[in-house]
Amino acid sequence: AIYMKPGTAVTFTKSGGDVTFTLDDTVDLGDGQVSNQWD
């Protein structure tokens, strides 16, 4: 049987996560945002 085993999650968020991704009021209607790069 081949199961899928979860690993350690990586969180993209403004602060307190693993990768900075500002998903708050900077993302206005009709705008986008890109995250910092995750290695």
PDB file of all heavy atoms in Angstrom:
ATOM      1  N   ALA A   1       0.866  -1.181   0.000  1.00  0.00           N
ATOM      2  CA  ALA A   1       0.000   0.000   0.000  1.00  0.00           C
ATOM      3  C   ALA A   1       0.902   1.230   0.000  1.00  0.00           C
ATOM      4  O   ALA A   1       1.942   1.249   0.667  1.00  0.00           O
ATOM      5  CB  ALA A   1      -0.897   0.001   1.230  1.00  0.00           C
ATOM      6  N   ILE A   2       0.527   2.243  -0.763  1.00  0.00           N
ATOM      7  CA  ILE A   2       1.288   3.484  -0.778  1.00  0.00           C
ATOM      8  C   ILE A   2       0.393   4.591  -0.239  1.00  0.00           C
ATOM      9  O   ILE A   2      -0.626   4.926  -0.833  1.00  0.00           O
ATOM     10  CB  ILE A   2       1.787   3.841  -2.194  1.00  0.00           C
ATOM     11  CG1 ILE A   2       2.658   2.712  -2.733  1.00  0.00           C
ATOM     12  CG2 ILE A   2       2.551   5.159  -2.174  1.00  0.00           C
ATOM     13  CD1 ILE A   2       3.115   2.913  -4.159  1.00  0.00           C
ATOM     14  N   TYR A   3       0.775   5.115   0.911  1.00  0.00           N
ATOM     15  CA  TYR A   3       0.051   6.203   1.545  1.00  0.00           C
ATOM     16  C   TYR A   3       0.809   7.501   1.326  1.00  0.00           C
ATOM     17  O   TYR A   3       1.962   7.495   0.907  1.00  0.00           O
ATOM     18  CB  TYR A   3      -0.099   5.943   3.045  1.00  0.00           C
ATOM     19  CG  TYR A   3      -0.893   4.701   3.370  1.00  0.00           C
ATOM     20  CD1 TYR A   3      -0.291   3.621   3.994  1.00  0.00           C
ATOM     21  CD2 TYR A   3      -2.246   4.612   3.048  1.00  0.00           C
ATOM     22  CE1 TYR A   3      -1.006   2.478   4.289  1.00  0.00           C
ATOM     23  CE2 TYR A   3      -2.961   3.467   3.341  1.00  0.00           C
ATOM     24  CZ  TYR A   3      -2.348   2.410   3.971  1.00  0.00           C
ATOM     25  OH  TYR A   3      -3.051   1.283   4.268  1.00  0.00           O
ATOM     26  N   MET A   4       0.154   8.623   1.624  1.00  0.00           N
ATOM     27  CA  MET A   4       0.818   9.919   1.552  1.00  0.00           C
ATOM     28  C   MET A   4       1.012  10.425   2.972  1.00  0.00           C
ATOM     29  O   MET A   4       0.057  10.521   3.746  1.00  0.00           O
ATOM     30  CB  MET A   4      -0.008  10.909   0.727  1.00  0.00           C
ATOM     31  CG  MET A   4      -0.163  10.487  -0.726  1.00  0.00           C
ATOM     32  SD  MET A   4       1.388  10.237  -1.604  1.00  0.00           S
ATOM     33  CE  MET A   4       1.890  11.906  -1.889  1.00  0.00           C
ATOM     34  N   LYS A   5       2.256  10.734   3.304  1.00  0.00           N
ATOM     35  CA  LYS A   5       2.623  11.159   4.653  1.00  0.00           C
ATOM     36  C   LYS A   5       2.929  12.661   4.641  1.00  0.00           C
ATOM     37  O   LYS A   5       3.822  13.097   3.919  1.00  0.00           O
ATOM     38  CB  LYS A   5       3.861  10.379   5.100  1.00  0.00           C
ATOM     39  CG  LYS A   5       4.318  10.656   6.490  1.00  0.00           C
ATOM     40  CD  LYS A   5       5.501   9.754   6.805  1.00  0.00           C
ATOM     41  CE  LYS A   5       6.014   9.989   8.198  1.00  0.00           C
ATOM     42  NZ  LYS A   5       7.145   9.101   8.495  1.00  0.00           N
ATOM     43  N   PRO A   6       2.186  13.474   5.422  1.00  0.00           N
ATOM     44  CA  PRO A   6       2.440  14.915   5.419  1.00  0.00           C
ATOM     45  C   PRO A   6       3.761  15.271   6.108  1.00  0.00           C
ATOM     46  O   PRO A   6       4.162  14.636   7.079  1.00  0.00           O
ATOM     47  CB  PRO A   6       1.252  15.499   6.182  1.00  0.00           C
ATOM     48  CG  PRO A   6       0.757  14.378   7.028  1.00  0.00           C
ATOM     49  CD  PRO A   6       1.086  13.107   6.305  1.00  0.00           C
ATOM     50  N   GLY A   7       4.411  16.302   5.568  1.00  0.00           N
ATOM     51  CA  GLY A   7       5.640  16.829   6.158  1.00  0.00           C
ATOM     52  C   GLY A   7       5.351  18.141   6.875  1.00  0.00           C
ATOM     53  O   GLY A   7       4.203  18.469   7.174  1.00  0.00           O
ATOM     54  N   THR A   8       6.387  18.905   7.119  1.00  0.00           N
ATOM     55  CA  THR A   8       6.263  20.176   7.824  1.00  0.00           C
ATOM     56  C   THR A   8       5.735  21.253   6.883  1.00  0.00           C
ATOM     57  O   THR A   8       6.310  21.507   5.825  1.00  0.00           O
ATOM     58  CB  THR A   8       7.622  20.609   8.396  1.00  0.00           C
ATOM     59  OG1 THR A   8       8.097  19.570   9.260  1.00  0.00           O
ATOM     60  CG2 THR A   8       7.512  21.903   9.166  1.00  0.00           C
ATOM     61  N   ALA A   9       4.652  21.892   7.274  1.00  0.00           N
ATOM     62  CA  ALA A   9       4.014  22.922   6.460  1.00  0.00           C
ATOM     63  C   ALA A   9       4.843  24.203   6.439  1.00  0.00           C
ATOM     64  O   ALA A   9       5.569  24.508   7.390  1.00  0.00           O
ATOM     65  CB  ALA A   9       2.619  23.224   7.004  1.00  0.00           C
ATOM     66  N   VAL A  10       4.720  24.950   5.341  1.00  0.00           N
ATOM     67  CA  VAL A  10       5.370  26.250   5.176  1.00  0.00           C
ATOM     68  C   VAL A  10       4.262  27.285   4.994  1.00  0.00           C
ATOM     69  O   VAL A  10       3.419  27.142   4.102  1.00  0.00           O
ATOM     70  CB  VAL A  10       6.309  26.254   3.952  1.00  0.00           C
ATOM     71  CG1 VAL A  10       6.897  27.626   3.719  1.00  0.00           C
ATOM     72  CG2 VAL A  10       7.399  25.211   4.129  1.00  0.00           C
ATOM     73  N   THR A  11       4.255  28.312   5.848  1.00  0.00           N
ATOM     74  CA  THR A  11       3.203  29.318   5.821  1.00  0.00           C
ATOM     75  C   THR A  11       3.698  30.610   5.192  1.00  0.00           C
ATOM     76  O   THR A  11       4.729  31.150   5.594  1.00  0.00           O
ATOM     77  CB  THR A  11       2.687  29.598   7.248  1.00  0.00           C
ATOM     78  OG1 THR A  11       2.202  28.361   7.805  1.00  0.00           O
ATOM     79  CG2 THR A  11       1.563  30.620   7.238  1.00  0.00           C
ATOM     80  N   PHE A  12       2.951  31.095   4.210  1.00  0.00           N
ATOM     81  CA  PHE A  12       3.210  32.363   3.534  1.00  0.00           C
ATOM     82  C   PHE A  12       2.227  33.383   4.099  1.00  0.00           C
ATOM     83  O   PHE A  12       1.019  33.291   3.847  1.00  0.00           O
ATOM     84  CB  PHE A  12       2.981  32.230   2.029  1.00  0.00           C
ATOM     85  CG  PHE A  12       3.995  31.390   1.306  1.00  0.00           C
ATOM     86  CD1 PHE A  12       4.033  30.012   1.464  1.00  0.00           C
ATOM     87  CD2 PHE A  12       4.909  31.974   0.439  1.00  0.00           C
ATOM     88  CE1 PHE A  12       4.955  29.229   0.777  1.00  0.00           C
ATOM     89  CE2 PHE A  12       5.842  31.209  -0.244  1.00  0.00           C
ATOM     90  CZ  PHE A  12       5.869  29.833  -0.073  1.00  0.00           C
ATOM     91  N   THR A  13       2.730  34.340   4.885  1.00  0.00           N
ATOM     92  CA  THR A  13       1.880  35.349   5.502  1.00  0.00           C
ATOM     93  C   THR A  13       2.710  36.577   5.825  1.00  0.00           C
ATOM     94  O   THR A  13       3.931  36.558   5.677  1.00  0.00           O
ATOM     95  CB  THR A  13       1.176  34.777   6.755  1.00  0.00           C
ATOM     96  OG1 THR A  13       0.175  35.677   7.206  1.00  0.00           O
ATOM     97  CG2 THR A  13       2.159  34.497   7.870  1.00  0.00           C
ATOM     98  N   LYS A  14       2.058  37.642   6.289  1.00  0.00           N
ATOM     99  CA  LYS A  14       2.766  38.908   6.504  1.00  0.00           C
ATOM    100  C   LYS A  14       3.824  38.810   7.597  1.00  0.00           C
ATOM    101  O   LYS A  14       4.928  39.308   7.448  1.00  0.00           O
ATOM    102  CB  LYS A  14       1.778  40.029   6.828  1.00  0.00           C
ATOM    103  CG  LYS A  14       2.465  41.384   6.962  1.00  0.00           C
ATOM    104  CD  LYS A  14       1.498  42.509   7.092  1.00  0.00           C
ATOM    105  CE  LYS A  14       2.245  43.839   7.170  1.00  0.00           C
ATOM    106  NZ  LYS A  14       1.319  44.961   7.252  1.00  0.00           N
ATOM    107  N   SER A  15       3.491  38.189   8.712  1.00  0.00           N
ATOM    108  CA  SER A  15       4.456  38.060   9.806  1.00  0.00           C
ATOM    109  C   SER A  15       4.153  36.809  10.611  1.00  0.00           C
ATOM    110  O   SER A  15       3.021  36.338  10.634  1.00  0.00           O
ATOM    111  CB  SER A  15       4.422  39.292  10.715  1.00  0.00           C
ATOM    112  OG  SER A  15       3.141  39.430  11.311  1.00  0.00           O
ATOM    113  N   GLY A  16       5.177  36.265  11.243  1.00  0.00           N
ATOM    114  CA  GLY A  16       4.995  35.095  12.079  1.00  0.00           C
ATOM    115  C   GLY A  16       4.937  33.784  11.326  1.00  0.00           C
ATOM    116  O   GLY A  16       4.787  32.730  11.936  1.00  0.00           O
ATOM    117  N   GLY A  17       5.082  33.821  10.007  1.00  0.00           N
ATOM    118  CA  GLY A  17       5.081  32.594   9.217  1.00  0.00           C
ATOM    119  C   GLY A  17       6.499  32.248   8.802  1.00  0.00           C
ATOM    120  O   GLY A  17       7.474  32.678   9.418  1.00  0.00           O
ATOM    121  N   ASP A  18       6.612  31.483   7.741  1.00  0.00           N
ATOM    122  CA  ASP A  18       7.920  31.059   7.238  1.00  0.00           C
ATOM    123  C   ASP A  18       8.418  31.935   6.093  1.00  0.00           C
ATOM    124  O   ASP A  18       9.617  32.136   5.939  1.00  0.00           O
ATOM    125  CB  ASP A  18       7.839  29.601   6.759  1.00  0.00           C
ATOM    126  CG  ASP A  18       7.376  28.681   7.877  1.00  0.00           C
ATOM    127  OD1 ASP A  18       8.139  28.512   8.843  1.00  0.00           O
ATOM    128  OD2 ASP A  18       6.252  28.160   7.784  1.00  0.00           O
ATOM    129  N   VAL A  19       7.493  32.435   5.274  1.00  0.00           N
ATOM    130  CA  VAL A  19       7.839  33.261   4.117  1.00  0.00           C
ATOM    131  C   VAL A  19       6.938  34.497   4.129  1.00  0.00           C
ATOM    132  O   VAL A  19       5.721  34.375   4.267  1.00  0.00           O
ATOM    133  CB  VAL A  19       7.638  32.485   2.793  1.00  0.00           C
ATOM    134  CG1 VAL A  19       8.016  33.343   1.599  1.00  0.00           C
ATOM    135  CG2 VAL A  19       8.433  31.184   2.799  1.00  0.00           C
ATOM    136  N   THR A  20       7.535  35.680   3.976  1.00  0.00           N
ATOM    137  CA  THR A  20       6.760  36.914   4.007  1.00  0.00           C
ATOM    138  C   THR A  20       5.911  37.059   2.754  1.00  0.00           C
ATOM    139  O   THR A  20       6.398  36.962   1.634  1.00  0.00           O
ATOM    140  CB  THR A  20       7.686  38.142   4.140  1.00  0.00           C
ATOM    141  OG1 THR A  20       8.515  37.964   5.285  1.00  0.00           O
ATOM    142  CG2 THR A  20       6.885  39.425   4.281  1.00  0.00           C
ATOM    143  N   PHE A  21       4.625  37.290   2.983  1.00  0.00           N
ATOM    144  CA  PHE A  21       3.656  37.468   1.908  1.00  0.00           C
ATOM    145  C   PHE A  21       2.582  38.408   2.441  1.00  0.00           C
ATOM    146  O   PHE A  21       1.737  38.009   3.234  1.00  0.00           O
ATOM    147  CB  PHE A  21       3.069  36.115   1.535  1.00  0.00           C
ATOM    148  CG  PHE A  21       2.356  36.058   0.211  1.00  0.00           C
ATOM    149  CD1 PHE A  21       2.462  37.060  -0.738  1.00  0.00           C
ATOM    150  CD2 PHE A  21       1.585  34.959  -0.100  1.00  0.00           C
ATOM    151  CE1 PHE A  21       1.819  36.964  -1.955  1.00  0.00           C
ATOM    152  CE2 PHE A  21       0.936  34.840  -1.313  1.00  0.00           C
ATOM    153  CZ  PHE A  21       1.050  35.850  -2.242  1.00  0.00           C
ATOM    154  N   THR A  22       2.601  39.662   2.034  1.00  0.00           N
ATOM    155  CA  THR A  22       1.726  40.687   2.579  1.00  0.00           C
ATOM    156  C   THR A  22       0.362  40.632   1.912  1.00  0.00           C
ATOM    157  O   THR A  22       0.136  41.262   0.880  1.00  0.00           O
ATOM    158  CB  THR A  22       2.362  42.081   2.419  1.00  0.00           C
ATOM    159  OG1 THR A  22       3.675  42.041   2.987  1.00  0.00           O
ATOM    160  CG2 THR A  22       1.541  43.149   3.122  1.00  0.00           C
ATOM    161  N   LEU A  23      -0.528  39.867   2.503  1.00  0.00           N
ATOM    162  CA  LEU A  23      -1.880  39.690   1.960  1.00  0.00           C
ATOM    163  C   LEU A  23      -2.888  40.468   2.791  1.00  0.00           C
ATOM    164  O   LEU A  23      -3.839  39.914   3.321  1.00  0.00           O
ATOM    165  CB  LEU A  23      -2.252  38.205   1.947  1.00  0.00           C
ATOM    166  CG  LEU A  23      -1.445  37.324   1.014  1.00  0.00           C
ATOM    167  CD1 LEU A  23      -1.818  35.866   1.201  1.00  0.00           C
ATOM    168  CD2 LEU A  23      -1.661  37.752  -0.423  1.00  0.00           C
ATOM    169  N   ASP A  24      -2.666  41.761   2.923  1.00  0.00           N
ATOM    170  CA  ASP A  24      -3.637  42.563   3.664  1.00  0.00           C
ATOM    171  C   ASP A  24      -4.078  43.722   2.782  1.00  0.00           C
ATOM    172  O   ASP A  24      -4.225  43.548   1.585  1.00  0.00           O
ATOM    173  CB  ASP A  24      -3.092  43.005   5.020  1.00  0.00           C
ATOM    174  CG  ASP A  24      -1.778  43.770   4.918  1.00  0.00           C
ATOM    175  OD1 ASP A  24      -1.442  44.267   3.826  1.00  0.00           O
ATOM    176  OD2 ASP A  24      -1.090  43.877   5.942  1.00  0.00           O
ATOM    177  N   ASP A  25      -4.262  44.892   3.334  1.00  0.00           N
ATOM    178  CA  ASP A  25      -4.843  45.995   2.573  1.00  0.00           C
ATOM    179  C   ASP A  25      -3.994  46.471   1.399  1.00  0.00           C
ATOM    180  O   ASP A  25      -4.415  47.331   0.633  1.00  0.00           O
ATOM    181  CB  ASP A  25      -5.177  47.168   3.490  1.00  0.00           C
ATOM    182  CG  ASP A  25      -3.958  47.752   4.168  1.00  0.00           C
ATOM    183  OD1 ASP A  25      -2.901  47.100   4.180  1.00  0.00           O
ATOM    184  OD2 ASP A  25      -4.059  48.868   4.706  1.00  0.00           O
ATOM    185  N   THR A  26      -2.805  45.912   1.194  1.00  0.00           N
ATOM    186  CA  THR A  26      -2.024  46.270   0.008  1.00  0.00           C
ATOM    187  C   THR A  26      -2.599  45.604  -1.242  1.00  0.00           C
ATOM    188  O   THR A  26      -2.298  46.023  -2.349  1.00  0.00           O
ATOM    189  CB  THR A  26      -0.550  45.842   0.149  1.00  0.00           C
ATOM    190  OG1 THR A  26      -0.489  44.437   0.316  1.00  0.00           O
ATOM    191  CG2 THR A  26       0.115  46.537   1.323  1.00  0.00           C
ATOM    192  N   VAL A  27      -3.409  44.570  -1.068  1.00  0.00           N
ATOM    193  CA  VAL A  27      -3.990  43.867  -2.213  1.00  0.00           C
ATOM    194  C   VAL A  27      -5.394  44.423  -2.458  1.00  0.00           C
ATOM    195  O   VAL A  27      -6.392  43.891  -2.004  1.00  0.00           O
ATOM    196  CB  VAL A  27      -4.023  42.340  -2.001  1.00  0.00           C
ATOM    197  CG1 VAL A  27      -4.500  41.639  -3.263  1.00  0.00           C
ATOM    198  CG2 VAL A  27      -2.646  41.831  -1.614  1.00  0.00           C
ATOM    199  N   ASP A  28      -5.429  45.543  -3.190  1.00  0.00           N
ATOM    200  CA  ASP A  28      -6.692  46.194  -3.506  1.00  0.00           C
ATOM    201  C   ASP A  28      -7.391  45.454  -4.626  1.00  0.00           C
ATOM    202  O   ASP A  28      -6.801  44.621  -5.299  1.00  0.00           O
ATOM    203  CB  ASP A  28      -6.442  47.647  -3.921  1.00  0.00           C
ATOM    204  CG  ASP A  28      -5.809  48.468  -2.814  1.00  0.00           C
ATOM    205  OD1 ASP A  28      -6.003  48.126  -1.640  1.00  0.00           O
ATOM    206  OD2 ASP A  28      -5.111  49.450  -3.130  1.00  0.00           O
ATOM    207  N   LEU A  29      -8.665  45.791  -4.835  1.00  0.00           N
ATOM    208  CA  LEU A  29      -9.378  45.171  -5.946  1.00  0.00           C
ATOM    209  C   LEU A  29      -8.628  45.497  -7.230  1.00  0.00           C
ATOM    210  O   LEU A  29      -8.127  46.597  -7.419  1.00  0.00           O
ATOM    211  CB  LEU A  29     -10.831  45.628  -6.007  1.00  0.00           C
ATOM    212  CG  LEU A  29     -11.099  47.121  -6.201  1.00  0.00           C
ATOM    213  CD1 LEU A  29     -11.537  47.382  -7.632  1.00  0.00           C
ATOM    214  CD2 LEU A  29     -12.166  47.556  -5.223  1.00  0.00           C
ATOM    215  N   GLY A  30      -8.474  44.489  -8.074  1.00  0.00           N
ATOM    216  CA  GLY A  30      -7.754  44.678  -9.326  1.00  0.00           C
ATOM    217  C   GLY A  30      -6.254  44.812  -9.165  1.00  0.00           C
ATOM    218  O   GLY A  30      -5.577  45.341 -10.032  1.00  0.00           O
ATOM    219  N   ASP A  31      -5.703  44.336  -8.049  1.00  0.00           N
ATOM    220  CA  ASP A  31      -4.259  44.345  -7.806  1.00  0.00           C
ATOM    221  C   ASP A  31      -3.815  42.960  -7.369  1.00  0.00           C
ATOM    222  O   ASP A  31      -4.612  42.121  -6.977  1.00  0.00           O
ATOM    223  CB  ASP A  31      -3.874  45.335  -6.696  1.00  0.00           C
ATOM    224  CG  ASP A  31      -3.847  46.775  -7.183  1.00  0.00           C
ATOM    225  OD1 ASP A  31      -3.745  46.996  -8.404  1.00  0.00           O
ATOM    226  OD2 ASP A  31      -3.925  47.671  -6.334  1.00  0.00           O
ATOM    227  N   GLY A  32      -2.492  42.765  -7.379  1.00  0.00           N
ATOM    228  CA  GLY A  32      -1.927  41.506  -6.937  1.00  0.00           C
ATOM    229  C   GLY A  32      -0.765  41.717  -5.995  1.00  0.00           C
ATOM    230  O   GLY A  32      -0.358  42.845  -5.714  1.00  0.00           O
ATOM    231  N   GLN A  33      -0.224  40.622  -5.526  1.00  0.00           N
ATOM    232  CA  GLN A  33       0.919  40.633  -4.616  1.00  0.00           C
ATOM    233  C   GLN A  33       1.730  39.376  -4.872  1.00  0.00           C
ATOM    234  O   GLN A  33       1.163  38.315  -5.157  1.00  0.00           O
ATOM    235  CB  GLN A  33       0.437  40.652  -3.157  1.00  0.00           C
ATOM    236  CG  GLN A  33       1.521  40.827  -2.119  1.00  0.00           C
ATOM    237  CD  GLN A  33       1.979  42.265  -1.962  1.00  0.00           C
ATOM    238  OE1 GLN A  33       1.348  43.184  -2.464  1.00  0.00           O
ATOM    239  NE2 GLN A  33       3.076  42.456  -1.267  1.00  0.00           N
ATOM    240  N   VAL A  34       3.048  39.496  -4.790  1.00  0.00           N
ATOM    241  CA  VAL A  34       3.935  38.348  -4.898  1.00  0.00           C
ATOM    242  C   VAL A  34       4.637  38.173  -3.559  1.00  0.00           C
ATOM    243  O   VAL A  34       4.871  39.142  -2.831  1.00  0.00           O
ATOM    244  CB  VAL A  34       4.948  38.521  -6.065  1.00  0.00           C
ATOM    245  CG1 VAL A  34       5.934  39.633  -5.784  1.00  0.00           C
ATOM    246  CG2 VAL A  34       5.663  37.223  -6.367  1.00  0.00           C
ATOM    247  N   SER A  35       4.959  36.936  -3.214  1.00  0.00           N
ATOM    248  CA  SER A  35       5.622  36.633  -1.944  1.00  0.00           C
ATOM    249  C   SER A  35       7.132  36.793  -2.058  1.00  0.00           C
ATOM    250  O   SER A  35       7.678  36.874  -3.162  1.00  0.00           O
ATOM    251  CB  SER A  35       5.322  35.189  -1.527  1.00  0.00           C
ATOM    252  OG  SER A  35       6.025  34.284  -2.373  1.00  0.00           O
ATOM    253  N   ASN A  36       7.791  36.803  -0.910  1.00  0.00           N
ATOM    254  CA  ASN A  36       9.237  36.614  -0.913  1.00  0.00           C
ATOM    255  C   ASN A  36       9.518  35.226  -1.474  1.00  0.00           C
ATOM    256  O   ASN A  36       8.646  34.364  -1.510  1.00  0.00           O
ATOM    257  CB  ASN A  36       9.815  36.724   0.497  1.00  0.00           C
ATOM    258  CG  ASN A  36      10.187  38.141   0.864  1.00  0.00           C
ATOM    259  OD1 ASN A  36      10.314  39.011   0.013  1.00  0.00           O
ATOM    260  ND2 ASN A  36      10.336  38.383   2.154  1.00  0.00           N
ATOM    261  N   GLN A  37      10.757  35.009  -1.853  1.00  0.00           N
ATOM    262  CA  GLN A  37      11.135  33.728  -2.441  1.00  0.00           C
ATOM    263  C   GLN A  37      11.421  32.700  -1.339  1.00  0.00           C
ATOM    264  O   GLN A  37      12.082  33.003  -0.352  1.00  0.00           O
ATOM    265  CB  GLN A  37      12.362  33.911  -3.307  1.00  0.00           C
ATOM    266  CG  GLN A  37      12.623  32.746  -4.221  1.00  0.00           C
ATOM    267  CD  GLN A  37      13.642  33.118  -5.267  1.00  0.00           C
ATOM    268  OE1 GLN A  37      14.792  33.335  -4.929  1.00  0.00           O
ATOM    269  NE2 GLN A  37      13.215  33.201  -6.516  1.00  0.00           N
ATOM    270  N   TRP A  38      10.907  31.497  -1.515  1.00  0.00           N
ATOM    271  CA  TRP A  38      11.139  30.391  -0.589  1.00  0.00           C
ATOM    272  C   TRP A  38      12.174  29.472  -1.206  1.00  0.00           C
ATOM    273  O   TRP A  38      12.011  28.992  -2.318  1.00  0.00           O
ATOM    274  CB  TRP A  38       9.833  29.662  -0.320  1.00  0.00           C
ATOM    275  CG  TRP A  38       9.958  28.390   0.462  1.00  0.00           C
ATOM    276  CD1 TRP A  38      10.752  28.163   1.549  1.00  0.00           C
ATOM    277  CD2 TRP A  38       9.255  27.170   0.220  1.00  0.00           C
ATOM    278  NE1 TRP A  38      10.587  26.875   2.002  1.00  0.00           N
ATOM    279  CE2 TRP A  38       9.672  26.240   1.200  1.00  0.00           C
ATOM    280  CE3 TRP A  38       8.324  26.774  -0.722  1.00  0.00           C
ATOM    281  CZ2 TRP A  38       9.180  24.950   1.263  1.00  0.00           C
ATOM    282  CZ3 TRP A  38       7.825  25.487  -0.658  1.00  0.00           C
ATOM    283  CH2 TRP A  38       8.250  24.588   0.323  1.00  0.00           C
ATOM    284  N   ASP A  39      13.247  29.226  -0.473  1.00  0.00           N
ATOM    285  CA  ASP A  39      14.281  28.278  -0.894  1.00  0.00           C
ATOM    286  C   ASP A  39      13.958  26.941  -0.252  1.00  0.00           C
ATOM    287  O   ASP A  39      14.083  26.777   0.960  1.00  0.00           O
ATOM    288  CB  ASP A  39      15.655  28.783  -0.456  1.00  0.00           C
ATOM    289  CG  ASP A  39      16.803  27.878  -0.887  1.00  0.00           C
ATOM    290  OD1 ASP A  39      16.549  26.774  -1.419  1.00  0.00           O
ATOM    291  OD2 ASP A  39      17.961  28.277  -0.668  1.00  0.00           O
TER     292      ASP A  39
END
